[in-house]
PDB file of all heavy atoms in Angstrom:
ATOM      1  N   LEU A   1       0.795  -1.252  -0.017  1.00  0.00           N
ATOM      2  CA  LEU A   1       0.033  -0.037  -0.015  1.00  0.00           C
ATOM      3  C   LEU A   1       0.846   1.287   0.023  1.00  0.00           C
ATOM      4  O   LEU A   1       0.381   2.302  -0.522  1.00  0.00           O
ATOM      5  CB  LEU A   1      -0.959  -0.052   1.183  1.00  0.00           C
ATOM      6  CG  LEU A   1      -2.111  -1.078   1.076  1.00  0.00           C
ATOM      7  CD1 LEU A   1      -2.980  -0.956   2.303  1.00  0.00           C
ATOM      8  CD2 LEU A   1      -2.824  -0.931  -0.187  1.00  0.00           C
ATOM      9  N   HIS A   2       1.984   1.206   0.612  1.00  0.00           N
ATOM     10  CA  HIS A   2       2.847   2.489   0.572  1.00  0.00           C
ATOM     11  C   HIS A   2       3.168   2.867  -0.849  1.00  0.00           C
ATOM     12  O   HIS A   2       3.206   4.084  -1.181  1.00  0.00           O
ATOM     13  CB  HIS A   2       4.048   2.281   1.404  1.00  0.00           C
ATOM     14  CG  HIS A   2       5.103   1.343   0.872  1.00  0.00           C
ATOM     15  ND1 HIS A   2       4.924   0.003   0.986  1.00  0.00           N
ATOM     16  CD2 HIS A   2       6.279   1.565   0.143  1.00  0.00           C
ATOM     17  CE1 HIS A   2       5.955  -0.564   0.432  1.00  0.00           C
ATOM     18  NE2 HIS A   2       6.747   0.256  -0.102  1.00  0.00           N
ATOM     19  N   ARG A   3       3.399   1.945  -1.775  1.00  0.00           N
ATOM     20  CA  ARG A   3       3.613   2.223  -3.172  1.00  0.00           C
ATOM     21  C   ARG A   3       2.394   2.827  -3.845  1.00  0.00           C
ATOM     22  O   ARG A   3       2.510   3.803  -4.634  1.00  0.00           O
ATOM     23  CB  ARG A   3       4.082   1.016  -3.902  1.00  0.00           C
ATOM     24  CG  ARG A   3       5.544   0.551  -3.477  1.00  0.00           C
ATOM     25  CD  ARG A   3       5.959  -0.528  -4.364  1.00  0.00           C
ATOM     26  NE  ARG A   3       6.813  -1.430  -3.540  1.00  0.00           N
ATOM     27  CZ  ARG A   3       6.571  -2.686  -3.187  1.00  0.00           C
ATOM     28  NH1 ARG A   3       5.461  -3.246  -3.668  1.00  0.00           N
ATOM     29  NH2 ARG A   3       7.359  -3.313  -2.403  1.00  0.00           N
ATOM     30  N   VAL A   4       1.245   2.317  -3.448  1.00  0.00           N
ATOM     31  CA  VAL A   4       0.015   2.913  -4.014  1.00  0.00           C
ATOM     32  C   VAL A   4      -0.210   4.367  -3.488  1.00  0.00           C
ATOM     33  O   VAL A   4      -0.483   5.245  -4.340  1.00  0.00           O
ATOM     34  CB  VAL A   4      -1.218   2.033  -3.612  1.00  0.00           C
ATOM     35  CG1 VAL A   4      -2.525   2.629  -4.023  1.00  0.00           C
ATOM     36  CG2 VAL A   4      -1.107   0.595  -4.180  1.00  0.00           C
ATOM     37  N   ALA A   5      -0.001   4.604  -2.232  1.00  0.00           N
ATOM     38  CA  ALA A   5      -0.139   5.957  -1.659  1.00  0.00           C
ATOM     39  C   ALA A   5       0.825   6.818  -2.327  1.00  0.00           C
ATOM     40  O   ALA A   5       0.507   7.993  -2.752  1.00  0.00           O
ATOM     41  CB  ALA A   5       0.100   5.903  -0.149  1.00  0.00           C
ATOM     42  N   GLU A   6       2.144   6.388  -2.495  1.00  0.00           N
ATOM     43  CA  GLU A   6       3.134   7.254  -3.193  1.00  0.00           C
ATOM     44  C   GLU A   6       2.725   7.558  -4.632  1.00  0.00           C
ATOM     45  O   GLU A   6       2.828   8.716  -5.026  1.00  0.00           O
ATOM     46  CB  GLU A   6       4.496   6.577  -3.094  1.00  0.00           C
ATOM     47  CG  GLU A   6       5.627   7.412  -3.560  1.00  0.00           C
ATOM     48  CD  GLU A   6       6.963   6.686  -3.382  1.00  0.00           C
ATOM     49  OE1 GLU A   6       7.063   5.534  -3.840  1.00  0.00           O
ATOM     50  OE2 GLU A   6       7.838   7.263  -2.770  1.00  0.00           O
ATOM     51  N   ALA A   7       2.211   6.537  -5.366  1.00  0.00           N
ATOM     52  CA  ALA A   7       1.751   6.866  -6.693  1.00  0.00           C
ATOM     53  C   ALA A   7       0.590   7.762  -6.745  1.00  0.00           C
ATOM     54  O   ALA A   7       0.527   8.641  -7.670  1.00  0.00           O
ATOM     55  CB  ALA A   7       1.466   5.536  -7.412  1.00  0.00           C
ATOM     56  N   CYS A   8      -0.311   7.725  -5.813  1.00  0.00           N
ATOM     57  CA  CYS A   8      -1.530   8.619  -5.776  1.00  0.00           C
ATOM     58  C   CYS A   8      -0.997  10.020  -5.562  1.00  0.00           C
ATOM     59  O   CYS A   8      -1.487  10.984  -6.263  1.00  0.00           O
ATOM     60  CB  CYS A   8      -2.489   8.228  -4.673  1.00  0.00           C
ATOM     61  SG  CYS A   8      -3.496   6.709  -5.028  1.00  0.00           S
ATOM     62  N   VAL A   9      -0.079  10.247  -4.656  1.00  0.00           N
ATOM     63  CA  VAL A   9       0.428  11.574  -4.338  1.00  0.00           C
ATOM     64  C   VAL A   9       1.145  12.118  -5.615  1.00  0.00           C
ATOM     65  O   VAL A   9       0.949  13.252  -6.010  1.00  0.00           O
ATOM     66  CB  VAL A   9       1.320  11.566  -3.061  1.00  0.00           C
ATOM     67  CG1 VAL A   9       2.044  12.782  -2.964  1.00  0.00           C
ATOM     68  CG2 VAL A   9       0.462  11.389  -1.877  1.00  0.00           C
ATOM     69  N   ARG A  10       2.042  11.279  -6.181  1.00  0.00           N
ATOM     70  CA  ARG A  10       2.769  11.710  -7.395  1.00  0.00           C
ATOM     71  C   ARG A  10       1.754  12.010  -8.516  1.00  0.00           C
ATOM     72  O   ARG A  10       1.952  13.101  -9.207  1.00  0.00           O
ATOM     73  CB  ARG A  10       3.679  10.596  -7.830  1.00  0.00           C
ATOM     74  CG  ARG A  10       4.503  11.044  -9.100  1.00  0.00           C
ATOM     75  CD  ARG A  10       5.721  10.147  -9.269  1.00  0.00           C
ATOM     76  NE  ARG A  10       6.550  10.496  -8.238  1.00  0.00           N
ATOM     77  CZ  ARG A  10       7.315   9.598  -7.559  1.00  0.00           C
ATOM     78  NH1 ARG A  10       7.215   8.337  -7.849  1.00  0.00           N
ATOM     79  NH2 ARG A  10       8.150   9.933  -6.590  1.00  0.00           N
ATOM     80  N   ASN A  11       0.695  11.243  -8.712  1.00  0.00           N
ATOM     81  CA  ASN A  11      -0.191  11.516  -9.835  1.00  0.00           C
ATOM     82  C   ASN A  11      -0.946  12.829  -9.492  1.00  0.00           C
ATOM     83  O   ASN A  11      -1.158  13.641 -10.373  1.00  0.00           O
ATOM     84  CB  ASN A  11      -1.234  10.335  -9.884  1.00  0.00           C
ATOM     85  CG  ASN A  11      -2.179  10.548 -10.985  1.00  0.00           C
ATOM     86  OD1 ASN A  11      -3.279  11.218 -10.710  1.00  0.00           O
ATOM     87  ND2 ASN A  11      -1.964  10.102 -12.133  1.00  0.00           N
ATOM     88  N   PHE A  12      -1.383  12.996  -8.274  1.00  0.00           N
ATOM     89  CA  PHE A  12      -2.011  14.256  -7.833  1.00  0.00           C
ATOM     90  C   PHE A  12      -1.125  15.480  -8.135  1.00  0.00           C
ATOM     91  O   PHE A  12      -1.642  16.456  -8.683  1.00  0.00           O
ATOM     92  CB  PHE A  12      -2.429  14.173  -6.373  1.00  0.00           C
ATOM     93  CG  PHE A  12      -2.841  15.548  -5.720  1.00  0.00           C
ATOM     94  CD1 PHE A  12      -4.131  15.968  -5.970  1.00  0.00           C
ATOM     95  CD2 PHE A  12      -1.990  16.252  -5.039  1.00  0.00           C
ATOM     96  CE1 PHE A  12      -4.540  17.221  -5.416  1.00  0.00           C
ATOM     97  CE2 PHE A  12      -2.389  17.491  -4.507  1.00  0.00           C
ATOM     98  CZ  PHE A  12      -3.652  17.882  -4.715  1.00  0.00           C
ATOM     99  N   LEU A  13       0.139  15.427  -7.774  1.00  0.00           N
ATOM    100  CA  LEU A  13       1.011  16.551  -8.012  1.00  0.00           C
ATOM    101  C   LEU A  13       1.206  16.851  -9.459  1.00  0.00           C
ATOM    102  O   LEU A  13       1.187  17.988  -9.962  1.00  0.00           O
ATOM    103  CB  LEU A  13       2.340  16.311  -7.301  1.00  0.00           C
ATOM    104  CG  LEU A  13       2.332  16.457  -5.806  1.00  0.00           C
ATOM    105  CD1 LEU A  13       3.721  16.023  -5.305  1.00  0.00           C
ATOM    106  CD2 LEU A  13       2.078  17.862  -5.409  1.00  0.00           C
ATOM    107  N   HIS A  14       1.353  15.811 -10.259  1.00  0.00           N
ATOM    108  CA  HIS A  14       1.609  15.969 -11.747  1.00  0.00           C
ATOM    109  C   HIS A  14       0.286  16.523 -12.378  1.00  0.00           C
ATOM    110  O   HIS A  14       0.379  17.459 -13.269  1.00  0.00           O
ATOM    111  CB  HIS A  14       1.983  14.630 -12.366  1.00  0.00           C
ATOM    112  CG  HIS A  14       3.435  14.370 -12.176  1.00  0.00           C
ATOM    113  ND1 HIS A  14       4.469  14.873 -12.993  1.00  0.00           N
ATOM    114  CD2 HIS A  14       4.111  13.633 -11.167  1.00  0.00           C
ATOM    115  CE1 HIS A  14       5.616  14.507 -12.578  1.00  0.00           C
ATOM    116  NE2 HIS A  14       5.421  13.754 -11.441  1.00  0.00           N
ATOM    117  N   ARG A  15      -0.898  16.067 -12.023  1.00  0.00           N
ATOM    118  CA  ARG A  15      -2.134  16.604 -12.515  1.00  0.00           C
ATOM    119  C   ARG A  15      -2.315  18.057 -12.133  1.00  0.00           C
ATOM    120  O   ARG A  15      -2.722  18.849 -12.892  1.00  0.00           O
ATOM    121  CB  ARG A  15      -3.296  15.779 -12.056  1.00  0.00           C
ATOM    122  CG  ARG A  15      -3.553  14.514 -12.812  1.00  0.00           C
ATOM    123  CD  ARG A  15      -4.810  13.817 -12.470  1.00  0.00           C
ATOM    124  NE  ARG A  15      -5.500  14.453 -11.339  1.00  0.00           N
ATOM    125  CZ  ARG A  15      -6.362  13.729 -10.536  1.00  0.00           C
ATOM    126  NH1 ARG A  15      -6.587  12.492 -10.794  1.00  0.00           N
ATOM    127  NH2 ARG A  15      -6.923  14.310  -9.510  1.00  0.00           N
ATOM    128  N   THR A  16      -1.922  18.301 -10.862  1.00  0.00           N
ATOM    129  CA  THR A  16      -2.110  19.748 -10.389  1.00  0.00           C
ATOM    130  C   THR A  16      -1.164  20.687 -11.164  1.00  0.00           C
ATOM    131  O   THR A  16      -1.500  21.765 -11.589  1.00  0.00           O
ATOM    132  CB  THR A  16      -1.761  19.859  -8.881  1.00  0.00           C
ATOM    133  OG1 THR A  16      -2.755  19.041  -8.188  1.00  0.00           O
ATOM    134  CG2 THR A  16      -1.940  21.253  -8.360  1.00  0.00           C
ATOM    135  N   ALA A  17       0.099  20.296 -11.362  1.00  0.00           N
ATOM    136  CA  ALA A  17       1.081  21.026 -12.110  1.00  0.00           C
ATOM    137  C   ALA A  17       0.569  21.218 -13.499  1.00  0.00           C
ATOM    138  O   ALA A  17       0.674  22.340 -14.043  1.00  0.00           O
ATOM    139  CB  ALA A  17       2.457  20.393 -12.077  1.00  0.00           C
ATOM    140  N   ALA A  18       0.151  20.175 -14.188  1.00  0.00           N
ATOM    141  CA  ALA A  18      -0.367  20.299 -15.532  1.00  0.00           C
ATOM    142  C   ALA A  18      -1.582  21.280 -15.618  1.00  0.00           C
ATOM    143  O   ALA A  18      -1.649  22.102 -16.576  1.00  0.00           O
ATOM    144  CB  ALA A  18      -0.816  18.941 -16.089  1.00  0.00           C
ATOM    145  N   ASN A  19      -2.483  21.226 -14.626  1.00  0.00           N
ATOM    146  CA  ASN A  19      -3.590  22.220 -14.588  1.00  0.00           C
ATOM    147  C   ASN A  19      -3.145  23.605 -14.467  1.00  0.00           C
ATOM    148  O   ASN A  19      -3.603  24.451 -15.234  1.00  0.00           O
ATOM    149  CB  ASN A  19      -4.536  21.906 -13.398  1.00  0.00           C
ATOM    150  CG  ASN A  19      -5.399  20.604 -13.722  1.00  0.00           C
ATOM    151  OD1 ASN A  19      -5.525  20.099 -14.811  1.00  0.00           O
ATOM    152  ND2 ASN A  19      -5.920  20.015 -12.660  1.00  0.00           N
ATOM    153  N   LEU A  20      -2.114  23.835 -13.618  1.00  0.00           N
ATOM    154  CA  LEU A  20      -1.570  25.232 -13.455  1.00  0.00           C
ATOM    155  C   LEU A  20      -0.932  25.660 -14.704  1.00  0.00           C
ATOM    156  O   LEU A  20      -1.091  26.788 -15.171  1.00  0.00           O
ATOM    157  CB  LEU A  20      -0.598  25.234 -12.275  1.00  0.00           C
ATOM    158  CG  LEU A  20      -1.303  25.102 -10.900  1.00  0.00           C
ATOM    159  CD1 LEU A  20      -0.222  24.776  -9.824  1.00  0.00           C
ATOM    160  CD2 LEU A  20      -1.998  26.450 -10.562  1.00  0.00           C
ATOM    161  N   GLU A  21      -0.118  24.811 -15.329  1.00  0.00           N
ATOM    162  CA  GLU A  21       0.613  25.150 -16.577  1.00  0.00           C
ATOM    163  C   GLU A  21      -0.356  25.479 -17.766  1.00  0.00           C
ATOM    164  O   GLU A  21      -0.268  26.312 -18.511  1.00  0.00           O
ATOM    165  CB  GLU A  21       1.628  24.085 -16.964  1.00  0.00           C
ATOM    166  CG  GLU A  21       2.785  23.999 -16.028  1.00  0.00           C
ATOM    167  CD  GLU A  21       3.639  22.808 -16.215  1.00  0.00           C
ATOM    168  OE1 GLU A  21       3.381  21.864 -17.084  1.00  0.00           O
ATOM    169  OE2 GLU A  21       4.710  22.758 -15.539  1.00  0.00           O
ATOM    170  N   HIS A  22      -1.454  24.631 -17.802  1.00  0.00           N
ATOM    171  CA  HIS A  22      -2.503  24.822 -18.829  1.00  0.00           C
ATOM    172  C   HIS A  22      -3.132  26.145 -18.586  1.00  0.00           C
ATOM    173  O   HIS A  22      -3.414  26.928 -19.555  1.00  0.00           O
ATOM    174  CB  HIS A  22      -3.445  23.718 -18.790  1.00  0.00           C
ATOM    175  CG  HIS A  22      -4.606  23.814 -19.784  1.00  0.00           C
ATOM    176  ND1 HIS A  22      -4.350  23.708 -21.156  1.00  0.00           N
ATOM    177  CD2 HIS A  22      -5.851  24.161 -19.651  1.00  0.00           C
ATOM    178  CE1 HIS A  22      -5.533  23.865 -21.780  1.00  0.00           C
ATOM    179  NE2 HIS A  22      -6.354  24.211 -20.891  1.00  0.00           N
ATOM    180  N   GLU A  23      -3.549  26.475 -17.368  1.00  0.00           N
ATOM    181  CA  GLU A  23      -4.164  27.808 -17.130  1.00  0.00           C
ATOM    182  C   GLU A  23      -3.326  28.973 -17.374  1.00  0.00           C
ATOM    183  O   GLU A  23      -3.749  29.973 -17.959  1.00  0.00           O
ATOM    184  CB  GLU A  23      -4.643  27.855 -15.578  1.00  0.00           C
ATOM    185  CG  GLU A  23      -5.903  26.988 -15.274  1.00  0.00           C
ATOM    186  CD  GLU A  23      -6.338  27.279 -13.900  1.00  0.00           C
ATOM    187  OE1 GLU A  23      -5.846  28.237 -13.249  1.00  0.00           O
ATOM    188  OE2 GLU A  23      -7.288  26.615 -13.425  1.00  0.00           O
ATOM    189  N   GLU A  24      -1.992  28.867 -17.142  1.00  0.00           N
ATOM    190  CA  GLU A  24      -1.036  29.935 -17.364  1.00  0.00           C
ATOM    191  C   GLU A  24      -0.886  30.119 -18.808  1.00  0.00           C
ATOM    192  O   GLU A  24      -0.775  31.241 -19.266  1.00  0.00           O
ATOM    193  CB  GLU A  24       0.257  29.589 -16.665  1.00  0.00           C
ATOM    194  CG  GLU A  24       1.125  30.820 -16.475  1.00  0.00           C
ATOM    195  CD  GLU A  24       2.044  31.063 -17.647  1.00  0.00           C
ATOM    196  OE1 GLU A  24       2.386  30.165 -18.421  1.00  0.00           O
ATOM    197  OE2 GLU A  24       2.359  32.285 -17.887  1.00  0.00           O
ATOM    198  N   ALA A  25      -0.880  29.064 -19.587  1.00  0.00           N
ATOM    199  CA  ALA A  25      -0.707  29.199 -21.042  1.00  0.00           C
ATOM    200  C   ALA A  25      -1.967  29.762 -21.710  1.00  0.00           C
ATOM    201  O   ALA A  25      -1.826  30.322 -22.826  1.00  0.00           O
ATOM    202  CB  ALA A  25      -0.340  27.740 -21.648  1.00  0.00           C
ATOM    203  N   ALA A  26      -3.110  29.598 -21.082  1.00  0.00           N
ATOM    204  CA  ALA A  26      -4.356  29.967 -21.752  1.00  0.00           C
ATOM    205  C   ALA A  26      -4.554  31.462 -21.664  1.00  0.00           C
ATOM    206  O   ALA A  26      -4.264  32.373 -21.257  1.00  0.00           O
ATOM    207  CB  ALA A  26      -5.569  29.330 -21.107  1.00  0.00           C
TER     208      ALA A  26
END
């Protein structure tokens, strides 16, 4: 489960970064 939790956090951060970069580019 620690690998699952780590992957969830990593995915969350990458999606958040992508959302911020997309908004800034728009």
